[in-house]
Amino acid sequence: MPPRSRRRICRAISAEAAHLSIYGEPVAAKVQALIDRAESIAANLHDPAVTGMLHLTKGIVAQLRGLWRQTVDECDRAEELFQSH
């Protein structure tokens, strides 16, 4: 599969994880599985924008779980990657 398609898939999976996370603990395992899948795809892309999207997604998930320190850490990392891109 071409890198462009993998980028799109990774972004789509990240968006799905962020949206699904609004349902809280009952879907936490599914959200984590989506994040894990997106991370495995992103690992081979070496694309700061895709990696930044993953950190942003993890920040959104952490925020919805009330994990404030993790929220800040993930969103700060996303911002760094977006600014470097």
PDB file of N, CA and C in Angstrom:
ATOM      1  N   MET A   1       0.847  -1.173   0.000  1.00  0.00           N
ATOM      2  CA  MET A   1       0.000   0.000   0.000  1.00  0.00           C
ATOM      3  C   MET A   1       0.896   1.240   0.000  1.00  0.00           C
ATOM      4  N   PRO A   2       0.593   2.222  -0.824  1.00  0.00           N
ATOM      5  CA  PRO A   2       1.429   3.424  -0.877  1.00  0.00           C
ATOM      6  C   PRO A   2       1.363   4.220   0.439  1.00  0.00           C
ATOM      7  N   PRO A   3       2.456   4.943   0.754  1.00  0.00           N
ATOM      8  CA  PRO A   3       2.491   5.733   1.991  1.00  0.00           C
ATOM      9  C   PRO A   3       1.323   6.717   2.111  1.00  0.00           C
ATOM     10  N   ARG A   4       0.919   7.296   1.007  1.00  0.00           N
ATOM     11  CA  ARG A   4      -0.190   8.262   1.043  1.00  0.00           C
ATOM     12  C   ARG A   4      -1.464   7.613   1.588  1.00  0.00           C
ATOM     13  N   SER A   5      -1.735   6.401   1.147  1.00  0.00           N
ATOM     14  CA  SER A   5      -2.915   5.677   1.633  1.00  0.00           C
ATOM     15  C   SER A   5      -2.766   5.325   3.104  1.00  0.00           C
ATOM     16  N   ARG A   6      -1.574   4.919   3.514  1.00  0.00           N
ATOM     17  CA  ARG A   6      -1.356   4.589   4.928  1.00  0.00           C
ATOM     18  C   ARG A   6      -1.540   5.824   5.800  1.00  0.00           C
ATOM     19  N   ARG A   7      -1.124   6.987   5.318  1.00  0.00           N
ATOM     20  CA  ARG A   7      -1.340   8.228   6.075  1.00  0.00           C
ATOM     21  C   ARG A   7      -2.831   8.496   6.276  1.00  0.00           C
ATOM     22  N   ARG A   8      -3.587   8.339   5.217  1.00  0.00           N
ATOM     23  CA  ARG A   8      -5.033   8.563   5.299  1.00  0.00           C
ATOM     24  C   ARG A   8      -5.689   7.582   6.261  1.00  0.00           C
ATOM     25  N   ILE A   9      -5.293   6.326   6.179  1.00  0.00           N
ATOM     26  CA  ILE A   9      -5.852   5.308   7.068  1.00  0.00           C
ATOM     27  C   ILE A   9      -5.509   5.625   8.515  1.00  0.00           C
ATOM     28  N   CYS A  10      -4.281   6.025   8.761  1.00  0.00           N
ATOM     29  CA  CYS A  10      -3.849   6.358  10.113  1.00  0.00           C
ATOM     30  C   CYS A  10      -4.643   7.543  10.664  1.00  0.00           C
ATOM     31  N   ARG A  11      -4.827   8.555   9.861  1.00  0.00           N
ATOM     32  CA  ARG A  11      -5.624   9.715  10.295  1.00  0.00           C
ATOM     33  C   ARG A  11      -7.077   9.319  10.558  1.00  0.00           C
ATOM     34  N   ALA A  12      -7.631   8.467   9.716  1.00  0.00           N
ATOM     35  CA  ALA A  12      -9.020   8.026   9.896  1.00  0.00           C
ATOM     36  C   ALA A  12      -9.175   7.205  11.178  1.00  0.00           C
ATOM     37  N   ILE A  13      -8.245   6.309  11.428  1.00  0.00           N
ATOM     38  CA  ILE A  13      -8.301   5.507  12.649  1.00  0.00           C
ATOM     39  C   ILE A  13      -8.158   6.403  13.872  1.00  0.00           C
ATOM     40  N   SER A  14      -7.273   7.377  13.802  1.00  0.00           N
ATOM     41  CA  SER A  14      -7.096   8.317  14.919  1.00  0.00           C
ATOM     42  C   SER A  14      -8.377   9.095  15.187  1.00  0.00           C
ATOM     43  N   ALA A  15      -9.014   9.572  14.133  1.00  0.00           N
ATOM     44  CA  ALA A  15     -10.265  10.320  14.290  1.00  0.00           C
ATOM     45  C   ALA A  15     -11.354   9.432  14.893  1.00  0.00           C
ATOM     46  N   GLU A  16     -11.422   8.199  14.453  1.00  0.00           N
ATOM     47  CA  GLU A  16     -12.412   7.275  15.007  1.00  0.00           C
ATOM     48  C   GLU A  16     -12.170   7.047  16.498  1.00  0.00           C
ATOM     49  N   ALA A  17     -10.908   6.867  16.875  1.00  0.00           N
ATOM     50  CA  ALA A  17     -10.577   6.657  18.290  1.00  0.00           C
ATOM     51  C   ALA A  17     -10.981   7.865  19.125  1.00  0.00           C
ATOM     52  N   ALA A  18     -10.695   9.061  18.634  1.00  0.00           N
ATOM     53  CA  ALA A  18     -11.046  10.278  19.369  1.00  0.00           C
ATOM     54  C   ALA A  18     -12.561  10.398  19.538  1.00  0.00           C
ATOM     55  N   HIS A  19     -13.291  10.151  18.471  1.00  0.00           N
ATOM     56  CA  HIS A  19     -14.746  10.262  18.544  1.00  0.00           C
ATOM     57  C   HIS A  19     -15.360   9.171  19.429  1.00  0.00           C
ATOM     58  N   LEU A  20     -14.866   7.971  19.320  1.00  0.00           N
ATOM     59  CA  LEU A  20     -15.393   6.864  20.103  1.00  0.00           C
ATOM     60  C   LEU A  20     -15.136   7.057  21.597  1.00  0.00           C
ATOM     61  N   SER A  21     -14.058   7.743  21.922  1.00  0.00           N
ATOM     62  CA  SER A  21     -13.679   7.895  23.330  1.00  0.00           C
ATOM     63  C   SER A  21     -14.695   8.699  24.148  1.00  0.00           C
ATOM     64  N   ILE A  22     -15.616   9.397  23.496  1.00  0.00           N
ATOM     65  CA  ILE A  22     -16.636  10.139  24.257  1.00  0.00           C
ATOM     66  C   ILE A  22     -17.539   9.211  25.055  1.00  0.00           C
ATOM     67  N   TYR A  23     -17.561   7.926  24.695  1.00  0.00           N
ATOM     68  CA  TYR A  23     -18.418   6.969  25.388  1.00  0.00           C
ATOM     69  C   TYR A  23     -17.765   6.389  26.644  1.00  0.00           C
ATOM     70  N   GLY A  24     -16.544   6.806  26.916  1.00  0.00           N
ATOM     71  CA  GLY A  24     -15.910   6.480  28.181  1.00  0.00           C
ATOM     72  C   GLY A  24     -15.411   5.066  28.338  1.00  0.00           C
ATOM     73  N   GLU A  25     -15.465   4.608  29.566  1.00  0.00           N
ATOM     74  CA  GLU A  25     -14.865   3.335  29.963  1.00  0.00           C
ATOM     75  C   GLU A  25     -15.403   2.116  29.211  1.00  0.00           C
ATOM     76  N   PRO A  26     -16.690   2.054  28.878  1.00  0.00           N
ATOM     77  CA  PRO A  26     -17.184   0.871  28.168  1.00  0.00           C
ATOM     78  C   PRO A  26     -16.480   0.601  26.825  1.00  0.00           C
ATOM     79  N   VAL A  27     -15.913   1.638  26.221  1.00  0.00           N
ATOM     80  CA  VAL A  27     -15.236   1.464  24.924  1.00  0.00           C
ATOM     81  C   VAL A  27     -13.725   1.690  25.020  1.00  0.00           C
ATOM     82  N   ALA A  28     -13.195   1.757  26.234  1.00  0.00           N
ATOM     83  CA  ALA A  28     -11.776   2.065  26.425  1.00  0.00           C
ATOM     84  C   ALA A  28     -10.864   1.060  25.721  1.00  0.00           C
ATOM     85  N   ALA A  29     -11.193  -0.218  25.773  1.00  0.00           N
ATOM     86  CA  ALA A  29     -10.359  -1.235  25.122  1.00  0.00           C
ATOM     87  C   ALA A  29     -10.381  -1.068  23.604  1.00  0.00           C
ATOM     88  N   LYS A  30     -11.537  -0.762  23.055  1.00  0.00           N
ATOM     89  CA  LYS A  30     -11.665  -0.537  21.608  1.00  0.00           C
ATOM     90  C   LYS A  30     -10.865   0.700  21.193  1.00  0.00           C
ATOM     91  N   VAL A  31     -10.959   1.767  21.974  1.00  0.00           N
ATOM     92  CA  VAL A  31     -10.204   2.991  21.692  1.00  0.00           C
ATOM     93  C   VAL A  31      -8.706   2.701  21.715  1.00  0.00           C
ATOM     94  N   GLN A  32      -8.264   1.970  22.721  1.00  0.00           N
ATOM     95  CA  GLN A  32      -6.838   1.651  22.812  1.00  0.00           C
ATOM     96  C   GLN A  32      -6.389   0.782  21.644  1.00  0.00           C
ATOM     97  N   ALA A  33      -7.240  -0.154  21.231  1.00  0.00           N
ATOM     98  CA  ALA A  33      -6.903  -0.993  20.082  1.00  0.00           C
ATOM     99  C   ALA A  33      -6.767  -0.155  18.812  1.00  0.00           C
ATOM    100  N   LEU A  34      -7.641   0.827  18.647  1.00  0.00           N
ATOM    101  CA  LEU A  34      -7.541   1.716  17.483  1.00  0.00           C
ATOM    102  C   LEU A  34      -6.252   2.536  17.532  1.00  0.00           C
ATOM    103  N   ILE A  35      -5.934   3.063  18.701  1.00  0.00           N
ATOM    104  CA  ILE A  35      -4.699   3.839  18.844  1.00  0.00           C
ATOM    105  C   ILE A  35      -3.483   2.952  18.555  1.00  0.00           C
ATOM    106  N   ASP A  36      -3.487   1.748  19.082  1.00  0.00           N
ATOM    107  CA  ASP A  36      -2.371   0.820  18.839  1.00  0.00           C
ATOM    108  C   ASP A  36      -2.217   0.525  17.352  1.00  0.00           C
ATOM    109  N   ARG A  37      -3.336   0.331  16.681  1.00  0.00           N
ATOM    110  CA  ARG A  37      -3.304   0.057  15.235  1.00  0.00           C
ATOM    111  C   ARG A  37      -2.743   1.257  14.471  1.00  0.00           C
ATOM    112  N   ALA A  38      -3.209   2.437  14.810  1.00  0.00           N
ATOM    113  CA  ALA A  38      -2.720   3.646  14.142  1.00  0.00           C
ATOM    114  C   ALA A  38      -1.233   3.836  14.404  1.00  0.00           C
ATOM    115  N   GLU A  39      -0.792   3.567  15.633  1.00  0.00           N
ATOM    116  CA  GLU A  39       0.636   3.706  15.947  1.00  0.00           C
ATOM    117  C   GLU A  39       1.487   2.716  15.156  1.00  0.00           C
ATOM    118  N   SER A  40       0.976   1.510  14.947  1.00  0.00           N
ATOM    119  CA  SER A  40       1.756   0.532  14.181  1.00  0.00           C
ATOM    120  C   SER A  40       1.886   0.953  12.716  1.00  0.00           C
ATOM    121  N   ILE A  41       0.861   1.573  12.186  1.00  0.00           N
ATOM    122  CA  ILE A  41       0.924   2.085  10.807  1.00  0.00           C
ATOM    123  C   ILE A  41       1.864   3.282  10.750  1.00  0.00           C
ATOM    124  N   ALA A  42       1.746   4.187  11.692  1.00  0.00           N
ATOM    125  CA  ALA A  42       2.556   5.418  11.697  1.00  0.00           C
ATOM    126  C   ALA A  42       4.031   5.149  11.910  1.00  0.00           C
ATOM    127  N   ALA A  43       4.362   4.084  12.612  1.00  0.00           N
ATOM    128  CA  ALA A  43       5.758   3.793  12.925  1.00  0.00           C
ATOM    129  C   ALA A  43       6.610   3.650  11.667  1.00  0.00           C
ATOM    130  N   ASN A  44       6.031   3.171  10.607  1.00  0.00           N
ATOM    131  CA  ASN A  44       6.778   2.965   9.357  1.00  0.00           C
ATOM    132  C   ASN A  44       6.740   4.164   8.426  1.00  0.00           C
ATOM    133  N   LEU A  45       5.948   5.165   8.766  1.00  0.00           N
ATOM    134  CA  LEU A  45       5.805   6.320   7.877  1.00  0.00           C
ATOM    135  C   LEU A  45       6.825   7.420   8.149  1.00  0.00           C
ATOM    136  N   HIS A  46       7.231   7.572   9.392  1.00  0.00           N
ATOM    137  CA  HIS A  46       8.173   8.625   9.778  1.00  0.00           C
ATOM    138  C   HIS A  46       7.682   9.997   9.308  1.00  0.00           C
ATOM    139  N   ASP A  47       6.401  10.259   9.565  1.00  0.00           N
ATOM    140  CA  ASP A  47       5.761  11.504   9.145  1.00  0.00           C
ATOM    141  C   ASP A  47       5.345  12.287  10.391  1.00  0.00           C
ATOM    142  N   PRO A  48       5.957  13.461  10.633  1.00  0.00           N
ATOM    143  CA  PRO A  48       5.634  14.218  11.835  1.00  0.00           C
ATOM    144  C   PRO A  48       4.155  14.621  11.928  1.00  0.00           C
ATOM    145  N   ALA A  49       3.512  14.864  10.812  1.00  0.00           N
ATOM    146  CA  ALA A  49       2.098  15.247  10.846  1.00  0.00           C
ATOM    147  C   ALA A  49       1.225  14.088  11.321  1.00  0.00           C
ATOM    148  N   VAL A  50       1.526  12.910  10.852  1.00  0.00           N
ATOM    149  CA  VAL A  50       0.769  11.722  11.273  1.00  0.00           C
ATOM    150  C   VAL A  50       1.041  11.412  12.742  1.00  0.00           C
ATOM    151  N   THR A  51       2.296  11.470  13.133  1.00  0.00           N
ATOM    152  CA  THR A  51       2.650  11.224  14.528  1.00  0.00           C
ATOM    153  C   THR A  51       2.024  12.282  15.430  1.00  0.00           C
ATOM    154  N   GLY A  52       2.008  13.528  14.967  1.00  0.00           N
ATOM    155  CA  GLY A  52       1.364  14.596  15.722  1.00  0.00           C
ATOM    156  C   GLY A  52      -0.117  14.336  15.898  1.00  0.00           C
ATOM    157  N   MET A  53      -0.775  13.851  14.862  1.00  0.00           N
ATOM    158  CA  MET A  53      -2.196  13.523  14.953  1.00  0.00           C
ATOM    159  C   MET A  53      -2.430  12.428  15.986  1.00  0.00           C
ATOM    160  N   LEU A  54      -1.533  11.462  16.046  1.00  0.00           N
ATOM    161  CA  LEU A  54      -1.669  10.404  17.047  1.00  0.00           C
ATOM    162  C   LEU A  54      -1.540  10.954  18.463  1.00  0.00           C
ATOM    163  N   HIS A  55      -0.576  11.842  18.675  1.00  0.00           N
ATOM    164  CA  HIS A  55      -0.418  12.443  20.002  1.00  0.00           C
ATOM    165  C   HIS A  55      -1.635  13.310  20.347  1.00  0.00           C
ATOM    166  N   LEU A  56      -2.164  14.016  19.371  1.00  0.00           N
ATOM    167  CA  LEU A  56      -3.367  14.812  19.606  1.00  0.00           C
ATOM    168  C   LEU A  56      -4.536  13.903  19.984  1.00  0.00           C
ATOM    169  N   THR A  57      -4.674  12.802  19.276  1.00  0.00           N
ATOM    170  CA  THR A  57      -5.729  11.837  19.586  1.00  0.00           C
ATOM    171  C   THR A  57      -5.576  11.312  21.009  1.00  0.00           C
ATOM    172  N   LYS A  58      -4.350  10.947  21.380  1.00  0.00           N
ATOM    173  CA  LYS A  58      -4.128  10.449  22.743  1.00  0.00           C
ATOM    174  C   LYS A  58      -4.408  11.532  23.777  1.00  0.00           C
ATOM    175  N   GLY A  59      -4.145  12.781  23.419  1.00  0.00           N
ATOM    176  CA  GLY A  59      -4.476  13.893  24.314  1.00  0.00           C
ATOM    177  C   GLY A  59      -5.975  14.059  24.488  1.00  0.00           C
ATOM    178  N   ILE A  60      -6.711  13.919  23.404  1.00  0.00           N
ATOM    179  CA  ILE A  60      -8.171  14.016  23.471  1.00  0.00           C
ATOM    180  C   ILE A  60      -8.740  12.887  24.333  1.00  0.00           C
ATOM    181  N   VAL A  61      -8.245  11.683  24.107  1.00  0.00           N
ATOM    182  CA  VAL A  61      -8.711  10.531  24.888  1.00  0.00           C
ATOM    183  C   VAL A  61      -8.402  10.743  26.369  1.00  0.00           C
ATOM    184  N   ALA A  62      -7.194  11.199  26.670  1.00  0.00           N
ATOM    185  CA  ALA A  62      -6.812  11.442  28.070  1.00  0.00           C
ATOM    186  C   ALA A  62      -7.693  12.522  28.691  1.00  0.00           C
ATOM    187  N   GLN A  63      -7.991  13.568  27.944  1.00  0.00           N
ATOM    188  CA  GLN A  63      -8.828  14.651  28.460  1.00  0.00           C
ATOM    189  C   GLN A  63     -10.223  14.136  28.802  1.00  0.00           C
ATOM    190  N   LEU A  64     -10.775  13.312  27.937  1.00  0.00           N
ATOM    191  CA  LEU A  64     -12.108  12.771  28.189  1.00  0.00           C
ATOM    192  C   LEU A  64     -12.135  11.792  29.355  1.00  0.00           C
ATOM    193  N   ARG A  65     -10.979  11.258  29.714  1.00  0.00           N
ATOM    194  CA  ARG A  65     -10.865  10.366  30.869  1.00  0.00           C
ATOM    195  C   ARG A  65     -10.492  11.123  32.146  1.00  0.00           C
ATOM    196  N   GLY A  66     -10.240  12.424  32.005  1.00  0.00           N
ATOM    197  CA  GLY A  66      -9.870  13.219  33.171  1.00  0.00           C
ATOM    198  C   GLY A  66      -8.416  13.081  33.579  1.00  0.00           C
ATOM    199  N   LEU A  67      -7.577  12.632  32.669  1.00  0.00           N
ATOM    200  CA  LEU A  67      -6.144  12.458  32.926  1.00  0.00           C
ATOM    201  C   LEU A  67      -5.416  13.721  32.465  1.00  0.00           C
ATOM    202  N   TRP A  68      -5.421  14.741  33.310  1.00  0.00           N
ATOM    203  CA  TRP A  68      -4.992  16.074  32.909  1.00  0.00           C
ATOM    204  C   TRP A  68      -3.514  16.153  32.565  1.00  0.00           C
ATOM    205  N   ARG A  69      -2.640  15.550  33.348  1.00  0.00           N
ATOM    206  CA  ARG A  69      -1.200  15.614  33.061  1.00  0.00           C
ATOM    207  C   ARG A  69      -0.910  14.963  31.718  1.00  0.00           C
ATOM    208  N   GLN A  70      -1.505  13.799  31.482  1.00  0.00           N
ATOM    209  CA  GLN A  70      -1.309  13.107  30.206  1.00  0.00           C
ATOM    210  C   GLN A  70      -1.877  13.934  29.053  1.00  0.00           C
ATOM    211  N   THR A  71      -2.998  14.595  29.282  1.00  0.00           N
ATOM    212  CA  THR A  71      -3.588  15.454  28.258  1.00  0.00           C
ATOM    213  C   THR A  71      -2.601  16.525  27.822  1.00  0.00           C
ATOM    214  N   VAL A  72      -2.038  17.225  28.798  1.00  0.00           N
ATOM    215  CA  VAL A  72      -1.089  18.301  28.501  1.00  0.00           C
ATOM    216  C   VAL A  72       0.149  17.744  27.794  1.00  0.00           C
ATOM    217  N   ASP A  73       0.685  16.644  28.296  1.00  0.00           N
ATOM    218  CA  ASP A  73       1.891  16.056  27.705  1.00  0.00           C
ATOM    219  C   ASP A  73       1.667  15.660  26.248  1.00  0.00           C
ATOM    220  N   GLU A  74       0.562  14.978  25.985  1.00  0.00           N
ATOM    221  CA  GLU A  74       0.289  14.524  24.614  1.00  0.00           C
ATOM    222  C   GLU A  74       0.021  15.702  23.675  1.00  0.00           C
ATOM    223  N   CYS A  75      -0.742  16.679  24.146  1.00  0.00           N
ATOM    224  CA  CYS A  75      -1.042  17.838  23.297  1.00  0.00           C
ATOM    225  C   CYS A  75       0.192  18.702  23.062  1.00  0.00           C
ATOM    226  N   ASP A  76       1.047  18.819  24.071  1.00  0.00           N
ATOM    227  CA  ASP A  76       2.307  19.548  23.877  1.00  0.00           C
ATOM    228  C   ASP A  76       3.177  18.857  22.832  1.00  0.00           C
ATOM    229  N   ARG A  77       3.240  17.531  22.900  1.00  0.00           N
ATOM    230  CA  ARG A  77       4.045  16.776  21.925  1.00  0.00           C
ATOM    231  C   ARG A  77       3.458  16.943  20.521  1.00  0.00           C
ATOM    232  N   ALA A  78       2.140  16.908  20.421  1.00  0.00           N
ATOM    233  CA  ALA A  78       1.495  17.104  19.120  1.00  0.00           C
ATOM    234  C   ALA A  78       1.835  18.480  18.554  1.00  0.00           C
ATOM    235  N   GLU A  79       1.768  19.498  19.412  1.00  0.00           N
ATOM    236  CA  GLU A  79       2.082  20.853  18.965  1.00  0.00           C
ATOM    237  C   GLU A  79       3.517  20.957  18.453  1.00  0.00           C
ATOM    238  N   GLU A  80       4.451  20.353  19.168  1.00  0.00           N
ATOM    239  CA  GLU A  80       5.856  20.361  18.732  1.00  0.00           C
ATOM    240  C   GLU A  80       5.999  19.735  17.348  1.00  0.00           C
ATOM    241  N   LEU A  81       5.346  18.612  17.142  1.00  0.00           N
ATOM    242  CA  LEU A  81       5.448  17.924  15.845  1.00  0.00           C
ATOM    243  C   LEU A  81       4.789  18.723  14.738  1.00  0.00           C
ATOM    244  N   PHE A  82       3.639  19.332  15.025  1.00  0.00           N
ATOM    245  CA  PHE A  82       2.974  20.137  14.003  1.00  0.00           C
ATOM    246  C   PHE A  82       3.818  21.361  13.633  1.00  0.00           C
ATOM    247  N   GLN A  83       4.435  21.960  14.626  1.00  0.00           N
ATOM    248  CA  GLN A  83       5.256  23.147  14.338  1.00  0.00           C
ATOM    249  C   GLN A  83       6.541  22.801  13.582  1.00  0.00           C
ATOM    250  N   SER A  84       7.043  21.587  13.783  1.00  0.00           N
ATOM    251  CA  SER A  84       8.271  21.176  13.099  1.00  0.00           C
ATOM    252  C   SER A  84       8.018  20.746  11.678  1.00  0.00           C
ATOM    253  N   HIS A  85       6.753  20.540  11.348  1.00  0.00           N
ATOM    254  CA  HIS A  85       6.407  19.991  10.034  1.00  0.00           C
ATOM    255  C   HIS A  85       6.199  21.101   9.020  1.00  0.00           C
TER     256      HIS A  85
END
